[in-house]
């Protein structure tokens, strides 16, 4: 299965600091949005071709190795068996292919950094392999790769991430590299999570990384249901990063194109993707994780990923000069900042050790993810999409929110939940069907938000 990788035609010779994700993104922060796909193939030659295509796209790009489902849960034997049985997996099995092959494959990205994205609550083996392959960038977190997606007890995830983070920082430093970790905290459940909790968890996970030796981080946020609310959240997230992270820690913001149910039509999907790029530009976000129109139906091809990267880069460039969205710093982001700060301060008061504080916070309901069924999540909170299209709290549970936190009607029925889950996809499909293209589509917002079922 470890076939030789064809590396001819690499788009550029690599330079030493080009593989430092934080430095690379920082270099282009004032001139271009850095765009990145979610791409992973189990065949090494296909994966190398994908990396080469991303590096050669007409955009400022970061390349991605997305890890398969078996490797995410530490089942290397399962990955080997599935490869032998069906010939391919839903991602790149990094521990199966090993560091030597992965290094040869990653060279296809030329001068572009390669980030390993995985989804594991126990990332130690993945981190060891990526460091051995000459890479230094990954993502996830003790909360964000545990509660929404798996059954691993939160205490185990925190312990695994503590050890793996230290390992990543130390091993990269010993080799003269700077490790970079991106918190996945801004994507809890992908959708229907009010922005204040997303940015609070993203900030707390980055503090966790820093406490265990990481000196370059990115703070994430996923596009939600209302663009101005998203701008407010991103402005607040940057303020929180500057307030809580030590000055010597390199940092940038990364936005995800909508992570929930995706529009089923090409027009709707392209419009939503354009809006995420425009949002990134108006918020001054440095990096964007891009999706494709194929998301609602199947895994995208390499060429579809490259087209979406190019399209997002062009949409962001246009939005930097003129757009009907305000700049993030022009929004009134005091409300979301106050909510997130209250949660962060409540957690930090529990313990000087961030991991211990996170465990206590979830035990007491000071952090609580709506609609998340993990046994270490209280599940006492509920969220809703209000009449303006904003995500708000329907039930705050024990969250330490300010009295002025925006709320909605408490009752969230099963029918209303299903309506909210489909809200964004149906909204953009409707705009796409009406002929609203990326040049001048009706802006999602209070004036044209779809009604929310009660």
Protein backbone atom coordinates (compact mmCIF):
# COMPACT_ATOMS: atom_id res chain seq x y z
CA UNK A 1 0.00 0.00 0.00
CA UNK A 2 2.99 2.33 0.49
CA UNK A 3 3.43 3.09 -3.21
CA UNK A 4 6.14 5.54 -4.30
CA UNK A 5 4.87 9.09 -4.62
CA UNK A 6 5.35 10.92 -7.89
CA UNK A 7 6.61 14.35 -6.92
CA UNK A 8 7.58 15.90 -10.23
CA UNK A 9 6.34 19.40 -11.03
CA UNK A 10 6.43 20.83 -7.52
CA UNK A 11 5.19 24.43 -7.83
CA UNK A 12 8.04 26.03 -5.91
CA UNK A 13 11.09 25.22 -3.87
CA UNK A 14 10.41 25.26 -0.15
CA UNK A 15 12.06 27.80 2.11
CA UNK A 16 12.76 27.26 5.81
CA UNK A 17 10.08 29.55 7.24
CA UNK A 18 7.48 28.84 4.57
CA UNK A 19 6.53 25.69 6.49
CA UNK A 20 5.81 27.67 9.68
CA UNK A 21 2.06 28.12 9.35
CA UNK A 22 1.86 31.14 11.65
CA UNK A 23 4.70 32.97 9.89
CA UNK A 24 3.30 32.16 6.46
CA UNK A 25 -0.17 33.48 7.29
CA UNK A 26 1.25 36.56 9.00
CA UNK A 27 3.30 37.42 5.91
CA UNK A 28 0.16 37.87 3.80
CA UNK A 29 -2.21 39.19 6.45
CA UNK A 30 -2.40 42.70 5.02
CA UNK A 31 -2.61 41.77 1.36
CA UNK A 32 -4.56 38.57 0.79
CA UNK A 33 -6.81 36.08 2.53
CA UNK A 34 -5.09 32.71 2.94
CA UNK A 35 -7.50 29.96 1.84
CA UNK A 36 -7.37 26.26 2.70
CA UNK A 37 -9.37 23.15 1.73
CA UNK A 38 -10.52 20.22 3.87
CA UNK A 39 -8.88 17.49 1.78
CA UNK A 40 -7.67 13.97 2.54
CA UNK A 41 -7.15 10.91 0.34
CA UNK A 42 -5.75 7.55 1.41
CA UNK A 43 -3.80 6.89 -1.79
CA UNK A 44 -0.40 8.63 -1.49
CA UNK A 45 -0.16 9.55 -5.17
CA UNK A 46 -3.68 11.01 -5.14
CA UNK A 47 -2.88 12.91 -1.94
CA UNK A 48 0.36 14.27 -3.41
CA UNK A 49 -1.51 15.36 -6.54
CA UNK A 50 -4.05 17.12 -4.34
CA UNK A 51 -1.35 18.97 -2.41
CA UNK A 52 0.37 19.95 -5.65
CA UNK A 53 -2.89 21.27 -7.10
CA UNK A 54 -3.65 23.32 -3.98
CA UNK A 55 -0.14 24.80 -4.04
CA UNK A 56 -0.55 25.67 -7.72
CA UNK A 57 -3.95 27.32 -7.36
CA UNK A 58 -4.28 31.00 -8.28
CA UNK A 59 -4.68 31.95 -4.63
CA UNK A 60 -2.63 32.24 -1.47
CA UNK A 61 -3.14 28.75 -0.08
CA UNK A 62 -2.31 26.39 2.78
CA UNK A 63 -2.37 22.66 2.03
CA UNK A 64 -4.20 20.08 4.12
CA UNK A 65 -3.78 16.44 5.09
CA UNK A 66 -7.14 15.41 6.56
CA UNK A 67 -6.88 12.14 8.50
CA UNK A 68 -9.23 9.17 8.06
CA UNK A 69 -11.82 7.98 10.59
CA UNK A 70 -9.88 4.89 11.72
CA UNK A 71 -6.72 6.84 12.49
CA UNK A 72 -8.70 9.49 14.34
CA UNK A 73 -9.72 6.91 16.95
CA UNK A 74 -6.33 5.20 17.07
CA UNK A 75 -7.42 2.11 15.14
CA UNK A 76 -4.40 1.60 12.91
CA UNK A 77 -5.21 -2.10 12.45
CA UNK A 78 -8.70 -1.13 11.26
CA UNK A 79 -7.22 1.34 8.80
CA UNK A 80 -4.87 -1.30 7.38
CA UNK A 81 -7.69 -3.83 7.10
CA UNK A 82 -10.02 -1.35 5.40
CA UNK A 83 -7.31 -0.37 2.93
CA UNK A 84 -6.68 -4.01 2.11
CA UNK A 85 -10.41 -4.69 1.78
CA UNK A 86 -11.66 -1.65 -0.14
CA UNK A 87 -8.53 0.12 -1.34
CA UNK A 88 -9.36 3.55 0.06
CA UNK A 89 -10.44 5.42 3.19
CA UNK A 90 -12.19 8.73 3.86
CA UNK A 91 -8.88 10.46 4.60
CA UNK A 92 -5.12 10.07 4.81
CA UNK A 93 -3.96 7.32 7.25
CA UNK A 94 -0.85 9.08 8.46
CA UNK A 95 0.28 6.49 11.01
CA UNK A 96 -0.16 3.67 8.48
CA UNK A 97 1.84 5.41 5.76
CA UNK A 98 4.40 6.64 8.28
CA UNK A 99 6.71 9.66 8.48
CA UNK A 100 9.03 8.88 5.55
CA UNK A 101 6.28 8.50 2.97
CA UNK A 102 4.35 11.43 4.47
CA UNK A 103 7.45 13.65 4.18
CA UNK A 104 7.90 12.75 0.53
CA UNK A 105 4.22 13.36 -0.12
CA UNK A 106 4.16 16.72 1.72
CA UNK A 107 7.03 17.95 -0.45
CA UNK A 108 4.51 18.15 -3.29
CA UNK A 109 3.12 21.26 -1.60
CA UNK A 110 6.34 23.13 -2.37
CA UNK A 111 6.55 26.39 -0.45
CA UNK A 112 3.07 26.05 1.10
CA UNK A 113 2.65 24.93 4.72
CA UNK A 114 0.85 21.61 5.21
CA UNK A 115 -1.53 21.35 8.16
CA UNK A 116 -2.62 17.95 9.49
CA UNK A 117 -6.32 17.98 10.40
CA UNK A 118 -7.61 14.93 12.23
CA UNK A 119 -10.52 14.97 14.71
CA UNK A 120 -8.81 12.88 17.38
CA UNK A 121 -9.36 13.09 21.14
CA UNK A 122 -6.00 11.30 21.52
CA UNK A 123 -3.64 12.83 18.96
CA UNK A 124 -0.27 11.64 20.29
CA UNK A 125 0.49 9.10 17.53
CA UNK A 126 -0.67 11.54 14.84
CA UNK A 127 1.57 14.29 16.26
CA UNK A 128 4.59 11.96 16.46
CA UNK A 129 4.17 10.98 12.84
CA UNK A 130 3.69 14.51 11.52
CA UNK A 131 6.77 15.75 13.37
CA UNK A 132 8.76 12.81 12.00
CA UNK A 133 7.58 13.83 8.53
CA UNK A 134 8.99 17.34 8.97
CA UNK A 135 5.60 18.99 9.59
CA UNK A 136 4.67 21.22 12.51
CA UNK A 137 1.04 22.35 12.17
CA UNK A 138 -2.14 20.66 13.36
CA UNK A 139 -5.44 21.52 15.05
CA UNK A 140 -8.16 20.36 17.42
CA UNK A 141 -8.36 20.68 21.19
CA UNK A 142 -9.24 18.87 24.43
CA UNK A 143 -12.87 20.03 24.30
CA UNK A 144 -13.59 20.60 20.62
CA UNK A 145 -12.36 17.16 19.51
CA UNK A 146 -14.16 15.39 22.34
CA UNK A 147 -17.62 16.64 23.30
CA UNK A 148 -19.43 17.02 20.00
CA UNK A 149 -18.05 14.07 18.09
CA UNK A 150 -17.05 11.13 20.29
CA UNK A 151 -17.50 9.08 23.42
CA UNK A 152 -14.08 9.63 25.00
CA UNK A 153 -14.52 10.95 28.56
CA UNK A 154 -13.56 14.61 28.74
CA UNK A 155 -10.97 13.91 31.47
CA UNK A 156 -9.22 11.42 29.17
CA UNK A 157 -9.26 13.87 26.27
CA UNK A 158 -7.76 16.63 28.43
CA UNK A 159 -5.01 14.28 29.62
CA UNK A 160 -4.28 13.05 26.08
CA UNK A 161 -4.15 16.59 24.73
CA UNK A 162 -1.95 17.81 27.59
CA UNK A 163 0.66 15.15 26.87
CA UNK A 164 0.41 15.40 23.08
CA UNK A 165 0.62 19.20 23.08
CA UNK A 166 3.78 19.15 25.18
CA UNK A 167 5.21 16.44 22.95
CA UNK A 168 4.45 18.46 19.78
CA UNK A 169 5.97 21.65 21.20
CA UNK A 170 9.11 19.95 22.51
CA UNK A 171 9.80 17.75 19.50
CA UNK A 172 9.34 20.61 17.04
CA UNK A 173 11.58 22.88 19.13
CA UNK A 174 14.29 20.20 19.26
CA UNK A 175 14.26 20.16 15.46
CA UNK A 176 14.40 23.96 15.18
CA UNK A 177 10.75 24.35 14.21
CA UNK A 178 7.85 26.18 15.82
CA UNK A 179 4.73 24.09 16.38
CA UNK A 180 1.36 25.59 15.47
CA UNK A 181 -2.01 24.48 16.84
CA UNK A 182 -5.41 25.74 15.75
CA UNK A 183 -8.31 25.44 18.17
CA UNK A 184 -11.39 23.80 16.69
CA UNK A 185 -13.40 25.43 19.48
CA UNK A 186 -15.12 27.87 17.15
CA UNK A 187 -16.88 24.94 15.44
CA UNK A 188 -18.64 23.15 18.32
CA UNK A 189 -21.35 21.02 16.67
CA UNK A 190 -20.86 23.07 13.52
CA UNK A 191 -24.10 25.01 13.96
CA UNK A 192 -26.76 26.32 16.37
CA UNK A 193 -24.21 27.31 19.02
CA UNK A 194 -24.39 31.00 20.02
CA UNK A 195 -21.18 32.82 19.11
CA UNK A 196 -20.15 33.70 22.67
CA UNK A 197 -19.63 30.04 23.58
CA UNK A 198 -17.73 29.34 20.37
CA UNK A 199 -15.23 32.13 20.88
CA UNK A 200 -14.90 31.44 24.61
CA UNK A 201 -13.95 27.79 23.98
CA UNK A 202 -11.61 28.77 21.15
CA UNK A 203 -9.79 31.21 23.41
CA UNK A 204 -9.64 28.76 26.33
CA UNK A 205 -8.23 25.99 24.15
CA UNK A 206 -5.52 28.32 22.86
CA UNK A 207 -4.65 29.21 26.46
CA UNK A 208 -4.41 25.45 27.11
CA UNK A 209 -2.01 25.07 24.16
CA UNK A 210 0.15 27.96 25.35
CA UNK A 211 0.27 26.60 28.89
CA UNK A 212 1.77 23.42 27.47
CA UNK A 213 4.43 25.01 25.32
CA UNK A 214 2.85 26.11 22.04
CA UNK A 215 3.96 29.54 20.83
CA UNK A 216 1.91 29.88 17.63
CA UNK A 217 -1.87 29.43 17.62
CA UNK A 218 -4.94 30.18 15.56
CA UNK A 219 -8.37 30.89 17.01
CA UNK A 220 -11.32 29.58 15.02
CA UNK A 221 -14.88 30.61 14.38
CA UNK A 222 -17.47 28.98 12.09
CA UNK A 223 -19.83 31.06 9.95
CA UNK A 224 -23.29 30.97 11.53
CA UNK A 225 -26.73 32.31 10.61
CA UNK A 226 -26.34 36.11 10.56
CA UNK A 227 -23.39 37.94 8.95
CA UNK A 228 -23.37 40.99 11.21
CA UNK A 229 -23.54 38.78 14.29
CA UNK A 230 -20.59 36.85 12.86
CA UNK A 231 -18.65 40.09 12.38
CA UNK A 232 -19.37 40.99 16.00
CA UNK A 233 -18.12 37.59 17.13
CA UNK A 234 -14.91 37.85 15.11
CA UNK A 235 -14.23 41.36 16.43
CA UNK A 236 -14.75 40.08 19.97
CA UNK A 237 -12.52 37.05 19.35
CA UNK A 238 -9.64 39.25 18.21
CA UNK A 239 -10.11 41.46 21.27
CA UNK A 240 -10.08 38.39 23.54
CA UNK A 241 -6.93 37.03 21.90
CA UNK A 242 -5.13 40.33 22.42
CA UNK A 243 -6.36 40.51 26.02
CA UNK A 244 -5.63 36.98 27.24
CA UNK A 245 -2.82 35.57 25.11
CA UNK A 246 0.76 36.56 26.05
CA UNK A 247 2.36 39.07 23.70
CA UNK A 248 5.07 36.65 22.60
CA UNK A 249 2.51 34.15 21.26
CA UNK A 250 1.93 34.39 17.51
CA UNK A 251 -1.77 34.28 16.67
CA UNK A 252 -4.26 34.72 13.85
CA UNK A 253 -7.97 34.11 13.25
CA UNK A 254 -9.36 31.36 11.03
CA UNK A 255 -12.94 31.32 9.75
CA UNK A 256 -14.79 28.21 8.58
CA UNK A 257 -17.34 28.31 5.80
CA UNK A 258 -20.66 27.19 7.29
CA UNK A 259 -20.26 23.79 8.97
CA UNK A 260 -23.93 22.76 9.21
CA UNK A 261 -26.39 21.41 6.64
CA UNK A 262 -25.12 22.78 3.32
CA UNK A 263 -27.25 24.12 0.46
CA UNK A 264 -28.25 21.38 -1.98
CA UNK A 265 -28.03 23.54 -5.12
CA UNK A 266 -24.84 24.78 -6.74
CA UNK A 267 -26.14 28.36 -6.77
CA UNK A 268 -26.99 28.27 -3.08
CA UNK A 269 -23.71 26.62 -2.11
CA UNK A 270 -21.62 29.06 -4.13
CA UNK A 271 -23.47 32.01 -2.65
CA UNK A 272 -22.90 30.74 0.90
CA UNK A 273 -19.20 30.13 0.18
CA UNK A 274 -18.87 33.62 -1.30
CA UNK A 275 -20.50 35.09 1.79
CA UNK A 276 -17.99 33.33 4.04
CA UNK A 277 -15.09 34.79 2.05
CA UNK A 278 -16.64 38.25 2.17
CA UNK A 279 -17.19 37.86 5.90
CA UNK A 280 -13.55 36.89 6.34
CA UNK A 281 -12.41 39.94 4.41
CA UNK A 282 -14.61 42.39 6.30
CA UNK A 283 -13.52 40.90 9.63
CA UNK A 284 -9.82 41.00 8.78
CA UNK A 285 -9.60 37.24 9.26
CA UNK A 286 -6.27 35.91 8.05
CA UNK A 287 -7.26 32.36 6.97
CA UNK A 288 -10.44 30.72 5.63
CA UNK A 289 -11.34 27.01 5.57
CA UNK A 290 -13.29 26.65 2.32
CA UNK A 291 -16.04 24.20 1.35
CA UNK A 292 -17.34 23.28 -2.11
CA UNK A 293 -20.76 22.97 -3.80
CA UNK A 294 -20.38 19.17 -3.53
CA UNK A 295 -20.57 19.23 0.29
CA UNK A 296 -24.27 18.32 0.49
CA UNK A 297 -23.84 15.25 -1.72
CA UNK A 298 -20.35 13.69 -1.61
CA UNK A 299 -16.67 14.25 -0.99
CA UNK A 300 -15.36 16.93 -3.37
CA UNK A 301 -12.76 16.25 -6.04
CA UNK A 302 -9.38 17.96 -6.14
CA UNK A 303 -10.46 20.18 -9.02
CA UNK A 304 -13.64 21.19 -7.14
CA UNK A 305 -11.55 22.12 -4.11
CA UNK A 306 -9.19 24.20 -6.22
CA UNK A 307 -12.08 26.03 -7.92
CA UNK A 308 -13.59 26.87 -4.54
CA UNK A 309 -10.25 28.13 -3.22
CA UNK A 310 -9.84 30.41 -6.21
CA UNK A 311 -13.44 31.61 -6.01
CA UNK A 312 -13.14 32.38 -2.29
CA UNK A 313 -9.90 34.27 -2.82
CA UNK A 314 -11.49 36.40 -5.53
CA UNK A 315 -14.62 37.09 -3.46
CA UNK A 316 -12.49 38.19 -0.50
CA UNK A 317 -10.40 40.47 -2.69
CA UNK A 318 -13.53 42.20 -3.99
CA UNK A 319 -14.95 42.58 -0.49
CA UNK A 320 -11.79 44.28 0.76
CA UNK A 321 -12.54 47.28 -1.45
CA UNK A 322 -16.34 47.55 -1.37
CA UNK A 323 -19.20 45.67 0.26
CA UNK A 324 -22.52 46.23 1.98
CA UNK A 325 -21.20 44.58 5.16
CA UNK A 326 -19.51 46.88 7.67
CA UNK A 327 -15.99 46.29 8.88
CA UNK A 328 -15.90 44.15 12.01
CA UNK A 329 -14.49 46.94 14.16
CA UNK A 330 -17.47 49.12 13.20
CA UNK A 331 -19.98 46.71 14.72
CA UNK A 332 -21.35 46.84 18.25
CA UNK A 333 -19.66 43.72 19.57
CA UNK A 334 -19.95 44.59 23.26
CA UNK A 335 -22.73 42.07 23.93
CA UNK A 336 -20.94 38.99 22.59
CA UNK A 337 -17.68 40.17 24.16
CA UNK A 338 -19.36 40.49 27.57
CA UNK A 339 -20.89 37.00 27.33
CA UNK A 340 -17.65 35.35 26.25
CA UNK A 341 -15.59 37.23 28.84
CA UNK A 342 -17.96 36.15 31.61
CA UNK A 343 -17.54 32.49 30.63
CA UNK A 344 -13.76 32.76 30.25
CA UNK A 345 -13.31 34.50 33.61
CA UNK A 346 -15.56 31.95 35.35
CA UNK A 347 -13.44 29.12 33.97
CA UNK A 348 -10.08 30.72 34.77
CA UNK A 349 -11.14 31.29 38.39
CA UNK A 350 -11.55 27.54 38.90
CA UNK A 351 -7.89 26.55 38.61
CA UNK A 352 -4.51 27.81 37.43
CA UNK A 353 -4.33 24.66 35.31
CA UNK A 354 -6.49 25.26 32.21
CA UNK A 355 -7.24 21.57 31.71
CA UNK A 356 -8.49 21.14 35.27
CA UNK A 357 -10.50 24.33 34.94
CA UNK A 358 -12.20 23.05 31.77
CA UNK A 359 -13.20 19.82 33.49
CA UNK A 360 -14.68 21.67 36.46
CA UNK A 361 -16.45 24.15 34.19
CA UNK A 362 -18.29 21.41 32.29
CA UNK A 363 -19.07 19.54 35.50
CA UNK A 364 -20.73 22.67 36.93
CA UNK A 365 -22.40 23.76 33.69
CA UNK A 366 -20.33 26.94 33.37
CA UNK A 367 -19.59 25.68 29.88
CA UNK A 368 -22.45 23.75 28.26
CA UNK A 369 -22.91 23.00 24.55
CA UNK A 370 -26.51 23.14 23.27
CA UNK A 371 -27.91 19.88 21.89
CA UNK A 372 -24.65 18.00 22.63
CA UNK A 373 -25.34 14.51 24.01
CA UNK A 374 -21.85 13.69 25.33
CA UNK A 375 -22.12 12.39 28.89
CA UNK A 376 -19.73 15.04 30.23
CA UNK A 377 -21.90 17.85 28.85
CA UNK A 378 -24.82 18.93 31.07
CA UNK A 379 -27.04 19.64 28.04
CA UNK A 380 -29.06 22.15 30.07
CA UNK A 381 -28.65 24.93 27.50
CA UNK A 382 -30.70 25.50 24.35
CA UNK A 383 -30.26 27.92 21.50
CA UNK A 384 -32.61 29.31 18.87
CA UNK A 385 -32.63 31.43 15.73
CA UNK A 386 -34.56 34.57 16.52
CA UNK A 387 -36.78 36.62 14.21
CA UNK A 388 -33.75 38.60 12.99
CA UNK A 389 -31.85 35.45 12.02
CA UNK A 390 -29.42 35.64 14.95
CA UNK A 391 -28.41 32.72 17.15
CA UNK A 392 -29.40 33.41 20.75
CA UNK A 393 -29.85 31.51 23.99
CA UNK A 394 -33.28 29.93 24.54
CA UNK A 395 -32.15 28.42 27.85
CA UNK A 396 -28.93 29.56 29.51
CA UNK A 397 -28.69 26.65 31.96
CA UNK A 398 -25.96 27.47 34.48
CA UNK A 399 -23.88 29.57 32.07
CA UNK A 400 -22.46 32.64 33.88
CA UNK A 401 -23.91 35.09 31.38
CA UNK A 402 -24.54 38.81 31.98
CA UNK A 403 -28.13 39.76 32.71
CA UNK A 404 -28.32 41.59 29.40
CA UNK A 405 -27.60 38.46 27.35
CA UNK A 406 -29.94 38.29 24.37
CA UNK A 407 -32.46 35.45 24.68
CA UNK A 408 -35.36 33.94 22.76
CA UNK A 409 -38.48 32.00 23.62
CA UNK A 410 -37.36 29.08 25.81
CA UNK A 411 -39.35 26.29 24.17
CA UNK A 412 -37.47 24.51 21.36
CA UNK A 413 -39.61 21.70 20.01
CA UNK A 414 -38.29 18.88 17.81
CA UNK A 415 -40.00 20.47 14.81
CA UNK A 416 -38.41 23.83 15.54
CA UNK A 417 -34.99 22.22 15.93
CA UNK A 418 -35.28 20.56 12.52
CA UNK A 419 -36.33 23.86 10.99
CA UNK A 420 -33.33 25.60 12.53
CA UNK A 421 -30.97 22.89 11.30
CA UNK A 422 -32.20 23.45 7.72
CA UNK A 423 -32.48 27.24 8.04
CA UNK A 424 -29.24 28.30 6.35
CA UNK A 425 -29.31 25.70 3.58
CA UNK A 426 -32.89 26.50 2.62
CA UNK A 427 -32.28 30.23 2.84
CA UNK A 428 -29.33 30.16 0.44
CA UNK A 429 -30.99 27.70 -1.91
CA UNK A 430 -33.95 30.10 -2.11
CA UNK A 431 -31.69 33.06 -2.87
CA UNK A 432 -29.83 31.00 -5.46
CA UNK A 433 -33.09 29.97 -7.15
CA UNK A 434 -34.17 33.61 -7.24
CA UNK A 435 -31.11 34.44 -9.30
CA UNK A 436 -29.17 36.16 -6.57
CA UNK A 437 -25.58 35.59 -7.64
CA UNK A 438 -22.36 36.40 -5.85
CA UNK A 439 -22.35 39.88 -7.40
CA UNK A 440 -25.17 41.57 -5.53
CA UNK A 441 -27.14 38.80 -3.86
CA UNK A 442 -29.57 39.85 -1.19
CA UNK A 443 -27.60 40.13 2.03
CA UNK A 444 -28.68 37.77 4.81
CA UNK A 445 -29.91 39.87 7.68
CA UNK A 446 -32.89 41.26 9.54
CA UNK A 447 -34.57 42.66 6.48
CA UNK A 448 -34.90 39.32 4.73
CA UNK A 449 -34.42 36.58 7.34
CA UNK A 450 -36.71 33.63 6.94
CA UNK A 451 -39.29 33.16 9.69
CA UNK A 452 -38.41 30.69 12.44
CA UNK A 453 -40.92 27.96 13.26
CA UNK A 454 -42.31 28.09 16.74
